[in-house]
Protein backbone atom coordinates (compact mmCIF):
# COMPACT_ATOMS: atom_id res chain seq x y z
CA MET A 1 179.53 143.48 178.02
CA GLN A 2 181.73 146.28 176.79
CA ASN A 3 183.03 146.59 173.26
CA TRP A 4 186.83 146.29 173.54
CA THR A 5 187.47 147.24 169.90
CA GLN A 6 187.20 150.92 170.79
CA TYR A 7 190.35 150.57 172.91
CA ILE A 8 192.49 148.98 170.19
CA PHE A 9 193.43 152.30 168.55
CA VAL A 10 194.29 153.83 171.92
CA ALA A 11 196.41 150.78 172.83
CA ILE A 12 198.28 150.96 169.51
CA LEU A 13 198.86 154.69 169.94
CA ILE A 14 200.13 154.24 173.50
CA GLY A 15 202.37 151.38 172.35
CA PHE A 16 203.85 153.62 169.65
CA ILE A 17 204.44 156.42 172.18
CA ILE A 18 206.14 153.96 174.54
CA TYR A 19 208.36 152.72 171.71
CA ARG A 20 209.38 156.25 170.63
CA ARG A 21 209.96 157.46 174.18
CA THR A 22 212.02 154.40 175.06
CA LYS A 23 214.07 154.75 171.88
CA LYS A 24 214.78 158.40 172.70
CA THR A 25 215.65 157.59 176.30
CA ILE A 26 218.45 155.24 175.40
CA GLY A 27 221.51 156.73 173.72
CA PHE A 28 222.47 160.20 172.56
CA GLN A 29 219.91 162.72 171.31
CA LYS A 30 220.52 165.64 168.98
CA LEU A 31 220.75 168.97 170.81
CA SER A 32 218.31 171.24 168.96
CA ARG A 33 217.68 174.73 170.37
CA ASN A 34 214.35 175.20 168.54
CA ARG A 35 212.99 171.84 169.72
CA LEU A 36 214.06 172.56 173.31
CA MET A 37 212.47 176.03 173.22
CA PHE A 38 209.20 174.60 171.90
CA ARG A 39 209.14 171.86 174.54
CA THR A 40 209.98 174.30 177.33
CA ILE A 41 207.14 176.63 176.33
CA MET A 42 204.73 173.71 175.86
CA PHE A 43 205.47 172.21 179.29
CA GLY A 44 205.26 175.65 180.91
CA ILE A 45 201.82 176.32 179.43
CA LEU A 46 200.53 172.84 180.30
CA GLY A 47 201.81 173.22 183.85
CA LEU A 48 200.02 176.55 184.26
CA VAL A 49 196.79 175.14 182.84
CA ILE A 50 196.82 172.14 185.18
CA LEU A 51 197.76 174.36 188.11
CA GLY A 52 194.78 176.59 187.25
CA LEU A 53 192.47 173.57 187.18
CA GLY A 54 193.67 172.66 190.67
CA PHE A 55 191.76 175.48 192.39
CA ILE A 56 189.04 172.96 193.25
CA HIS A 57 190.51 172.02 196.61
CA PRO A 58 193.72 172.85 198.53
CA ILE A 59 194.82 169.20 198.55
CA PHE A 60 195.59 169.56 194.84
CA PHE A 61 198.16 172.24 195.62
CA VAL A 62 199.84 169.85 198.08
CA ALA A 63 200.02 167.20 195.34
CA ASP A 64 201.33 169.81 192.89
CA ALA A 65 204.01 170.93 195.36
CA VAL A 66 205.10 167.35 196.07
CA GLY A 67 205.24 166.70 192.32
CA LEU A 68 207.31 169.84 191.76
CA VAL A 69 209.80 168.85 194.44
CA GLY A 70 210.05 165.30 193.05
CA GLY A 71 210.57 166.56 189.51
CA ILE A 72 213.22 169.05 190.60
CA ALA A 73 215.07 166.29 192.48
CA LEU A 74 214.99 164.05 189.41
CA GLY A 75 216.07 166.96 187.21
CA LEU A 76 219.06 167.77 189.42
CA ILE A 77 220.18 164.13 189.32
CA ALA A 78 219.80 164.08 185.54
CA ILE A 79 221.74 167.33 185.19
CA ARG A 80 224.59 165.97 187.27
CA HIS A 81 224.89 162.91 185.02
CA THR A 82 224.29 164.50 181.59
CA ARG A 83 226.95 163.93 178.94
CA PHE A 84 227.49 165.88 175.73
CA GLU A 85 229.23 164.69 172.59
CA LYS A 86 230.07 166.44 169.35
CA ARG A 87 229.70 164.44 166.13
CA GLU A 88 230.32 166.03 162.76
CA ASP A 89 229.77 169.58 164.07
CA ILE A 90 226.50 168.61 165.80
CA TRP A 91 226.15 168.37 169.57
CA PHE A 92 224.33 165.43 171.14
CA TYR A 93 223.36 164.83 174.75
CA ARG A 94 222.55 161.77 176.79
CA THR A 95 220.28 161.98 179.78
CA HIS A 96 220.63 159.89 182.90
CA LEU A 97 219.06 156.58 181.93
CA TRP A 98 217.50 155.68 185.29
CA VAL A 99 215.95 159.11 185.75
CA GLU A 100 214.35 158.93 182.32
CA ILE A 101 213.11 155.41 183.02
CA THR A 102 211.62 156.65 186.31
CA VAL A 103 209.77 159.48 184.57
CA LEU A 104 208.61 157.11 181.82
CA VAL A 105 207.34 154.53 184.33
CA LEU A 106 205.49 157.24 186.31
CA PHE A 107 203.83 158.52 183.16
CA LEU A 108 202.91 155.12 181.74
CA GLY A 109 201.83 153.75 185.11
CA ARG A 110 199.49 156.65 185.62
CA ILE A 111 198.02 156.26 182.11
CA ALA A 112 197.49 152.54 182.73
CA TYR A 113 195.83 153.26 186.07
CA ARG A 114 193.49 155.85 184.52
CA LEU A 115 192.58 153.53 181.65
CA LEU A 116 191.81 150.69 184.05
CA PHE A 117 189.76 153.06 186.18
CA ILE A 118 187.77 154.26 183.16
CA VAL A 119 187.22 150.73 181.85
CA SER A 120 186.11 149.41 185.24
CA ALA A 121 183.88 152.41 186.08
CA SER A 122 180.35 151.34 186.83
CA SER A 123 178.94 154.20 184.79
CA PRO A 124 181.11 155.07 181.77
CA ASN A 125 179.00 158.17 181.12
CA ALA A 126 179.94 159.63 184.50
CA MET A 127 183.54 160.03 183.40
CA ASN A 128 184.62 161.78 180.23
CA PRO A 129 188.33 161.09 179.54
CA ALA A 130 188.40 163.96 177.03
CA ASP A 131 187.46 166.46 179.76
CA PRO A 132 190.66 168.30 180.80
CA SER A 133 189.32 168.84 184.32
CA GLN A 134 189.54 165.06 184.87
CA ILE A 135 193.27 165.56 185.52
CA SER A 136 192.49 167.95 188.35
CA LYS A 137 189.90 165.67 189.97
CA ASP A 138 192.58 163.30 191.20
CA PRO A 139 195.48 164.72 193.25
CA LEU A 140 197.72 161.76 192.39
CA THR A 141 197.37 162.46 188.67
CA ALA A 142 198.15 166.15 189.18
CA GLY A 143 201.14 165.31 191.39
CA ILE A 144 202.62 162.88 188.88
CA PHE A 145 202.00 165.37 186.11
CA PHE A 146 203.97 167.99 188.03
CA VAL A 147 206.85 165.56 188.55
CA ILE A 148 207.04 165.24 184.77
CA VAL A 149 206.52 168.95 184.06
CA SER A 150 209.06 170.19 186.61
CA PHE A 151 211.63 167.58 185.54
CA TYR A 152 211.41 168.48 181.87
CA LEU A 153 211.24 172.25 182.45
CA LEU A 154 214.34 172.18 184.63
CA TYR A 155 216.20 169.82 182.33
CA PHE A 156 215.31 171.64 179.10
CA VAL A 157 216.29 175.03 180.56
CA TYR A 158 219.60 173.48 181.62
CA LEU A 159 220.16 172.06 178.12
CA LEU A 160 219.39 175.45 176.56
CA LYS A 161 221.91 177.10 178.89
CA GLU A 162 224.57 174.47 178.16
CA GLU A 163 223.91 174.63 174.42
CA GLY A 164 225.09 178.24 174.43
CA LYS A 165 228.28 177.26 176.24
CA LEU A 166 228.93 174.26 173.99
CA ASP A 167 228.97 176.41 170.85
CA THR A 168 232.13 178.09 172.10
CA ARG A 169 233.97 174.82 172.82
CA GLU A 170 236.23 173.21 170.26
CA GLY A 171 236.99 169.55 169.64
CA ALA A 172 234.99 166.37 169.61
CA GLY A 173 234.33 163.65 172.10
CA PRO A 174 232.40 163.46 175.32
CA VAL A 175 232.01 166.55 177.48
CA VAL A 176 231.10 166.40 181.14
CA PRO A 177 229.70 169.73 182.38
CA GLY A 178 231.67 171.31 185.18
CA GLU A 179 234.96 169.71 184.18
């Protein structure tokens, strides 16, 4: 029988991440150039690392490509529905709620699947969850990762571009890009 106490910390951590991500998904978020730049660079580096780990078999590149296309489609929908609002000389943005929920469900569903797979593995020593190459051993994981990476890269680059335009606008209230 396995000792389930080792999973309590991980479950609490995942619960906290879900709470924070859900809280950020709903409502307006502060538009911060430095934070967006950091996240864009971070997602770009992670995407390149996972792409590099995918040289094991060509099927991984198919999963990566499908994930990229899915993330770009979600990003374009989110961009079309993004709203900006100025409050006390600070710009805020709101993402498309259903797109964010979709990305969140993909991410959390994949984590739950991997945790169940690790817990139910017949030989726990055969699988090291801390090994970064584990992500590249499953094309579905790599594909879902690239949905998330391409969505956030596209969306953050868009927000950085719009942030420069918003600084020149005057007035408060909601702003719909393209109007």
